[in-house]
N, C-alpha and C. Protein backbone atom coordinates (compact mmCIF):
# COMPACT_ATOMS: atom_id res chain seq x y z
N MET A 1 99.72 86.86 112.55
CA MET A 1 99.42 87.96 112.53
C MET A 1 100.79 89.01 111.66
N ALA A 2 100.62 89.50 110.78
CA ALA A 2 101.94 89.96 109.83
C ALA A 2 101.62 91.11 110.04
N LYS A 3 102.97 92.15 109.87
CA LYS A 3 103.27 93.54 109.94
C LYS A 3 102.92 94.13 108.41
N ILE A 4 101.82 94.94 107.93
CA ILE A 4 101.82 95.22 106.65
C ILE A 4 102.05 96.60 106.32
N LEU A 5 102.93 97.01 105.48
CA LEU A 5 103.05 98.81 105.45
C LEU A 5 102.33 99.25 104.17
N ILE A 6 101.37 99.92 105.03
CA ILE A 6 100.60 100.71 103.33
C ILE A 6 101.19 102.16 103.21
N VAL A 7 101.60 101.97 101.63
CA VAL A 7 102.13 103.54 101.43
C VAL A 7 100.95 104.27 100.37
N ASP A 8 100.45 105.04 100.79
CA ASP A 8 99.83 105.96 100.22
C ASP A 8 99.43 107.13 100.76
N ASP A 9 98.96 108.47 99.98
CA ASP A 9 99.54 109.31 100.22
C ASP A 9 97.85 110.02 100.39
N SER A 10 96.82 109.40 100.28
CA SER A 10 95.36 109.47 101.09
C SER A 10 95.43 109.43 102.72
N ALA A 11 94.77 110.38 102.95
CA ALA A 11 94.64 109.66 104.71
C ALA A 11 93.76 108.82 104.68
N THR A 12 92.19 108.89 103.56
CA THR A 12 91.19 108.26 103.81
C THR A 12 91.77 106.81 103.61
N GLU A 13 92.49 106.67 102.54
CA GLU A 13 92.92 105.14 101.99
C GLU A 13 93.43 104.62 103.17
N LEU A 14 94.40 105.00 103.42
CA LEU A 14 94.97 104.87 104.64
C LEU A 14 94.55 104.23 106.10
N HIS A 15 93.92 105.01 106.07
CA HIS A 15 92.41 104.81 107.62
C HIS A 15 91.74 103.57 106.82
N VAL A 16 91.13 103.40 105.86
CA VAL A 16 90.28 101.99 105.36
C VAL A 16 91.07 100.81 104.89
N LEU A 17 92.24 101.08 104.06
CA LEU A 17 92.89 99.98 104.62
C LEU A 17 93.44 99.11 105.69
N ALA A 18 93.78 100.31 106.85
CA ALA A 18 94.49 100.02 108.15
C ALA A 18 93.26 99.28 108.69
N LYS A 19 92.25 99.55 109.05
CA LYS A 19 90.99 98.93 109.47
C LYS A 19 90.93 97.74 108.83
N ILE A 20 90.84 97.32 107.63
CA ILE A 20 90.70 96.35 106.88
C ILE A 20 91.71 95.02 107.49
N LEU A 21 93.28 95.95 107.62
CA LEU A 21 94.30 94.79 107.95
C LEU A 21 94.06 94.27 109.22
N GLN A 22 93.74 95.42 110.29
CA GLN A 22 93.25 95.24 111.97
C GLN A 22 92.34 94.15 112.45
N GLN A 23 91.43 94.37 111.42
CA GLN A 23 90.00 93.37 111.71
C GLN A 23 90.63 91.43 111.15
N ALA A 24 91.19 92.23 110.23
CA ALA A 24 91.80 90.32 109.75
C ALA A 24 92.81 90.12 110.75
N GLY A 25 93.70 90.55 111.85
CA GLY A 25 94.27 90.72 112.77
C GLY A 25 95.77 90.78 112.29
N HIS A 26 95.90 91.80 111.27
CA HIS A 26 97.60 91.74 110.77
C HIS A 26 98.02 93.56 111.69
N GLN A 27 99.26 93.47 111.36
CA GLN A 27 99.49 95.07 112.22
C GLN A 27 100.03 96.01 110.71
N PRO A 28 98.84 96.96 111.26
CA PRO A 28 99.16 97.70 109.50
C PRO A 28 100.40 99.27 110.37
N LEU A 29 101.43 99.20 109.41
CA LEU A 29 102.37 100.02 109.53
C LEU A 29 101.71 101.26 108.19
N THR A 30 102.09 102.75 108.73
CA THR A 30 101.47 103.30 107.34
C THR A 30 102.90 104.51 106.96
N ALA A 31 102.75 104.78 105.26
CA ALA A 31 103.21 106.01 104.85
C ALA A 31 102.58 106.90 103.59
N ALA A 32 102.79 107.98 104.20
CA ALA A 32 102.19 109.18 103.44
C ALA A 32 102.64 109.20 101.97
N ASP A 33 103.97 108.77 101.56
CA ASP A 33 104.90 108.90 100.44
C ASP A 33 105.75 108.02 99.73
N GLY A 34 105.89 107.84 98.64
CA GLY A 34 106.67 107.10 98.29
C GLY A 34 108.38 106.78 98.97
N GLU A 35 108.61 107.83 99.24
CA GLU A 35 110.16 108.14 99.92
C GLU A 35 109.68 107.60 100.94
N ALA A 36 108.69 108.07 102.15
CA ALA A 36 108.45 107.60 103.33
C ALA A 36 108.40 105.91 103.62
N GLY A 37 107.92 105.87 102.39
CA GLY A 37 107.58 103.94 102.38
C GLY A 37 108.65 103.05 102.26
N ILE A 38 109.72 103.64 101.19
CA ILE A 38 111.06 103.34 101.13
C ILE A 38 111.88 103.27 102.75
N ALA A 39 112.00 104.50 103.13
CA ALA A 39 112.33 104.50 104.60
C ALA A 39 111.64 103.40 105.62
N ALA A 40 110.36 103.59 105.90
CA ALA A 40 109.81 102.78 106.61
C ALA A 40 109.81 101.10 106.09
N ALA A 41 110.09 100.51 105.27
CA ALA A 41 110.61 99.29 104.60
C ALA A 41 111.76 98.86 105.21
N LYS A 42 112.64 100.27 105.24
CA LYS A 42 114.21 99.48 105.37
C LYS A 42 114.32 99.35 107.03
N SER A 43 113.52 100.30 108.13
CA SER A 43 113.28 100.09 109.31
C SER A 43 112.41 99.62 109.91
N GLN A 44 111.42 99.66 109.53
CA GLN A 44 110.29 98.27 110.23
C GLN A 44 110.26 96.99 109.68
N SER A 45 110.99 96.90 108.84
CA SER A 45 110.98 95.43 107.76
C SER A 45 109.51 94.93 107.95
N PRO A 46 108.83 95.35 107.32
CA PRO A 46 107.21 94.21 106.97
C PRO A 46 107.24 93.44 106.37
N ASP A 47 106.03 92.60 106.79
CA ASP A 47 106.11 91.05 106.15
C ASP A 47 105.25 91.34 104.80
N ALA A 48 104.97 92.70 104.55
CA ALA A 48 104.57 93.13 103.19
C ALA A 48 104.35 94.11 102.70
N ILE A 49 103.79 95.33 101.80
CA ILE A 49 104.00 96.16 101.68
C ILE A 49 102.66 96.37 100.43
N LEU A 50 101.51 97.32 101.14
CA LEU A 50 100.43 97.70 100.19
C LEU A 50 101.01 99.03 99.21
N MET A 51 100.94 99.02 97.67
CA MET A 51 101.61 100.26 97.41
C MET A 51 100.80 100.79 96.47
N ASP A 52 100.59 102.27 97.09
CA ASP A 52 99.75 102.93 95.98
C ASP A 52 100.67 103.62 94.64
N VAL A 53 100.06 103.73 93.75
CA VAL A 53 101.02 104.20 92.39
C VAL A 53 100.79 106.08 92.14
N VAL A 54 99.83 106.79 92.81
CA VAL A 54 99.90 108.00 92.23
C VAL A 54 100.40 108.46 93.04
N MET A 55 101.59 109.11 93.69
CA MET A 55 101.64 109.79 95.03
C MET A 55 102.90 111.36 94.41
N PRO A 56 102.69 112.01 95.35
CA PRO A 56 103.75 113.32 95.20
C PRO A 56 105.10 112.42 95.06
N GLY A 57 106.19 113.39 94.66
CA GLY A 57 107.49 112.70 94.74
C GLY A 57 107.52 111.40 94.34
N ILE A 58 108.32 110.87 94.61
CA ILE A 58 108.33 109.33 94.15
C ILE A 58 107.30 108.42 94.12
N ASN A 59 106.54 107.66 92.84
CA ASN A 59 105.80 107.51 92.93
C ASN A 59 105.84 105.75 93.23
N GLY A 60 104.47 104.87 93.16
CA GLY A 60 104.67 103.76 93.62
C GLY A 60 105.41 102.91 92.79
N PHE A 61 105.44 102.97 91.41
CA PHE A 61 106.32 102.32 90.68
C PHE A 61 107.61 102.62 90.88
N GLN A 62 107.65 103.68 90.70
CA GLN A 62 109.47 104.13 91.56
C GLN A 62 110.11 103.76 92.70
N ALA A 63 108.98 103.57 93.70
CA ALA A 63 109.28 103.16 95.30
C ALA A 63 109.15 101.28 94.99
N THR A 64 108.50 100.86 93.95
CA THR A 64 108.57 99.40 94.28
C THR A 64 109.92 98.87 93.50
N ARG A 65 110.35 99.62 92.36
CA ARG A 65 111.38 99.28 91.79
C ARG A 65 113.09 99.76 92.96
N LYS A 66 112.86 100.38 93.53
CA LYS A 66 114.04 100.73 94.54
C LYS A 66 113.65 99.64 95.85
N LEU A 67 112.37 99.04 95.89
CA LEU A 67 112.49 98.49 97.09
C LEU A 67 112.89 97.06 96.72
N SER A 68 112.32 96.66 95.46
CA SER A 68 112.90 95.37 94.70
C SER A 68 114.32 94.93 94.24
N ARG A 69 115.04 96.06 94.36
CA ARG A 69 116.27 96.26 93.99
C ARG A 69 117.32 96.09 94.82
N ASP A 70 116.88 96.71 95.91
CA ASP A 70 117.57 97.00 97.44
C ASP A 70 117.75 95.80 98.33
N PRO A 71 118.95 95.01 98.25
CA PRO A 71 118.97 93.78 99.05
C PRO A 71 118.60 93.72 100.50
N LYS A 72 118.25 94.95 101.40
CA LYS A 72 117.67 94.91 102.31
C LYS A 72 116.59 94.71 102.43
N THR A 73 115.89 94.75 101.33
CA THR A 73 114.22 95.28 101.00
C THR A 73 113.36 94.22 100.17
N ARG A 74 114.20 93.44 99.24
CA ARG A 74 113.67 92.95 98.24
C ARG A 74 113.19 91.31 98.27
N HIS A 75 113.30 91.45 99.63
CA HIS A 75 112.89 90.12 99.93
C HIS A 75 111.14 90.22 100.29
N ILE A 76 110.65 91.33 100.89
CA ILE A 76 109.14 92.06 100.71
C ILE A 76 108.75 92.27 99.80
N PRO A 77 107.33 91.04 100.04
CA PRO A 77 106.47 91.50 98.68
C PRO A 77 105.82 92.56 98.47
N VAL A 78 105.73 93.60 97.36
CA VAL A 78 104.78 94.58 97.05
C VAL A 78 103.44 94.33 96.35
N LEU A 79 102.29 94.54 96.84
CA LEU A 79 100.96 94.46 96.39
C LEU A 79 100.66 95.82 95.89
N MET A 80 100.54 95.94 94.72
CA MET A 80 100.35 97.67 94.20
C MET A 80 98.66 97.69 94.47
N VAL A 81 98.12 98.75 95.24
CA VAL A 81 96.85 98.85 95.27
C VAL A 81 96.67 100.72 94.71
N THR A 82 96.06 100.51 93.49
CA THR A 82 96.04 101.50 92.59
C THR A 82 94.58 102.00 92.32
N THR A 83 94.15 103.24 91.58
CA THR A 83 93.26 103.70 90.61
C THR A 83 93.27 103.29 89.31
N LYS A 84 94.89 103.17 88.81
CA LYS A 84 95.45 103.00 87.69
C LYS A 84 95.25 101.70 87.18
N ASP A 85 94.10 101.34 86.44
CA ASP A 85 93.21 100.24 85.52
C ASP A 85 93.67 99.72 84.37
N GLN A 86 94.47 100.42 83.74
CA GLN A 86 95.04 99.71 82.30
C GLN A 86 95.97 98.74 82.55
N GLU A 87 95.91 97.78 81.59
CA GLU A 87 96.55 96.56 81.39
C GLU A 87 98.19 97.25 81.32
N THR A 88 98.97 97.86 80.73
CA THR A 88 99.95 98.60 80.43
C THR A 88 100.34 99.26 81.95
N ASP A 89 99.45 99.55 83.20
CA ASP A 89 99.83 99.69 84.30
C ASP A 89 100.23 98.36 84.89
N ARG A 90 99.75 97.91 85.02
CA ARG A 90 99.36 96.21 85.79
C ARG A 90 101.10 96.18 85.44
N GLU A 91 101.30 95.68 83.74
CA GLU A 91 102.51 95.00 83.72
C GLU A 91 103.62 95.69 84.06
N TRP A 92 103.30 97.27 83.82
CA TRP A 92 104.69 98.06 84.17
C TRP A 92 104.56 97.79 85.64
N GLY A 93 103.86 97.32 86.25
CA GLY A 93 103.85 97.07 88.05
C GLY A 93 104.51 96.33 88.38
N MET A 94 104.03 95.06 87.93
CA MET A 94 104.77 93.62 87.66
C MET A 94 106.28 93.91 87.40
N ARG A 95 106.55 94.33 86.42
CA ARG A 95 107.73 94.67 85.97
C ARG A 95 109.21 95.51 87.16
N GLN A 96 108.62 95.65 87.78
CA GLN A 96 109.18 96.87 88.41
C GLN A 96 109.27 95.90 90.09
N GLY A 97 108.63 94.86 90.25
CA GLY A 97 109.43 93.98 91.22
C GLY A 97 107.87 93.75 91.88
N ALA A 98 106.47 94.27 91.61
CA ALA A 98 105.50 93.84 92.42
C ALA A 98 104.77 92.37 92.09
N LYS A 99 104.50 92.03 93.48
CA LYS A 99 103.77 90.62 93.21
C LYS A 99 102.80 90.47 93.02
N GLY A 100 102.00 91.63 92.89
CA GLY A 100 100.43 91.32 92.92
C GLY A 100 100.21 92.83 92.55
N TYR A 101 98.43 92.89 91.81
CA TYR A 101 98.03 94.27 92.09
C TYR A 101 96.41 94.49 91.54
N LEU A 102 96.02 95.26 92.36
CA LEU A 102 94.41 94.87 92.68
C LEU A 102 94.33 97.03 92.64
N VAL A 103 93.14 96.89 91.67
CA VAL A 103 92.71 98.31 91.38
C VAL A 103 91.30 98.85 92.73
N LYS A 104 91.41 100.13 93.24
CA LYS A 104 91.10 100.49 93.77
C LYS A 104 89.48 101.11 93.71
N PRO A 105 88.31 101.07 94.32
CA PRO A 105 87.97 100.48 95.25
C PRO A 105 88.35 99.15 95.76
N VAL A 106 89.11 98.83 96.64
CA VAL A 106 89.45 97.21 96.87
C VAL A 106 88.24 96.29 97.13
N ASP A 107 88.02 95.45 96.97
CA ASP A 107 87.19 94.53 97.93
C ASP A 107 88.14 93.55 99.11
N SER A 108 87.65 94.16 100.17
CA SER A 108 88.56 93.51 101.67
C SER A 108 88.85 91.59 101.37
N GLY A 109 87.43 91.26 100.65
CA GLY A 109 88.02 89.79 100.90
C GLY A 109 89.46 89.40 99.64
N GLU A 110 88.96 90.07 98.90
CA GLU A 110 90.19 90.12 97.59
C GLU A 110 91.47 90.49 97.96
N LEU A 111 91.52 91.57 98.71
CA LEU A 111 92.41 92.01 99.38
C LEU A 111 93.12 90.76 100.38
N LEU A 112 92.48 90.60 101.41
CA LEU A 112 93.13 89.58 102.18
C LEU A 112 93.57 88.51 101.55
N HIS A 113 92.60 87.90 100.68
CA HIS A 113 93.23 86.70 99.48
C HIS A 113 94.66 86.98 99.49
N GLN A 114 94.67 88.11 98.34
CA GLN A 114 95.77 88.79 97.66
C GLN A 114 96.93 88.48 99.47
N ILE A 115 97.47 89.33 100.43
CA ILE A 115 98.07 89.14 101.27
C ILE A 115 97.97 87.77 101.62
N ASP A 116 97.15 87.23 101.98
CA ASP A 116 97.77 85.71 102.05
C ASP A 116 98.55 85.09 101.59
N GLU A 117 98.14 85.14 100.29
CA GLU A 117 99.11 84.58 99.14
C GLU A 117 100.61 85.03 99.02
N LEU A 118 100.61 86.03 99.42
CA LEU A 118 101.89 87.00 99.53
C LEU A 118 102.92 86.26 100.54
N LEU A 119 101.90 86.49 101.32
CA LEU A 119 103.03 85.39 103.01
C LEU A 119 103.36 84.39 102.87
N ARG A 120 102.76 83.44 102.16
CA ARG A 120 102.89 82.30 102.08
C ARG A 120 104.71 81.44 101.43
């Protein structure tokens, strides 16, 4: 059972992703924006992070960059989970330090597969 932080400004998305994780035996943690996500990553030390991109304040690209460059959090793999489906978005997310990229709406099987890969 892994502790997985979901960072998304949509309450619906947080609920859906948390339910998928719970049913798979994981422990979901949630944060409603990039700043809260960075703080939660530092204080909760999750095993992985699911990061939305489009959020108020610090967006998911900026939050991922901060997490991947911070010695306290850079070991935590980030999976971008977003509506931004352009190849340039995917490349930019990976350049910021993301280890994977999924486009919403996510297939629960693919999401869990990607999480399993990140946790290896």
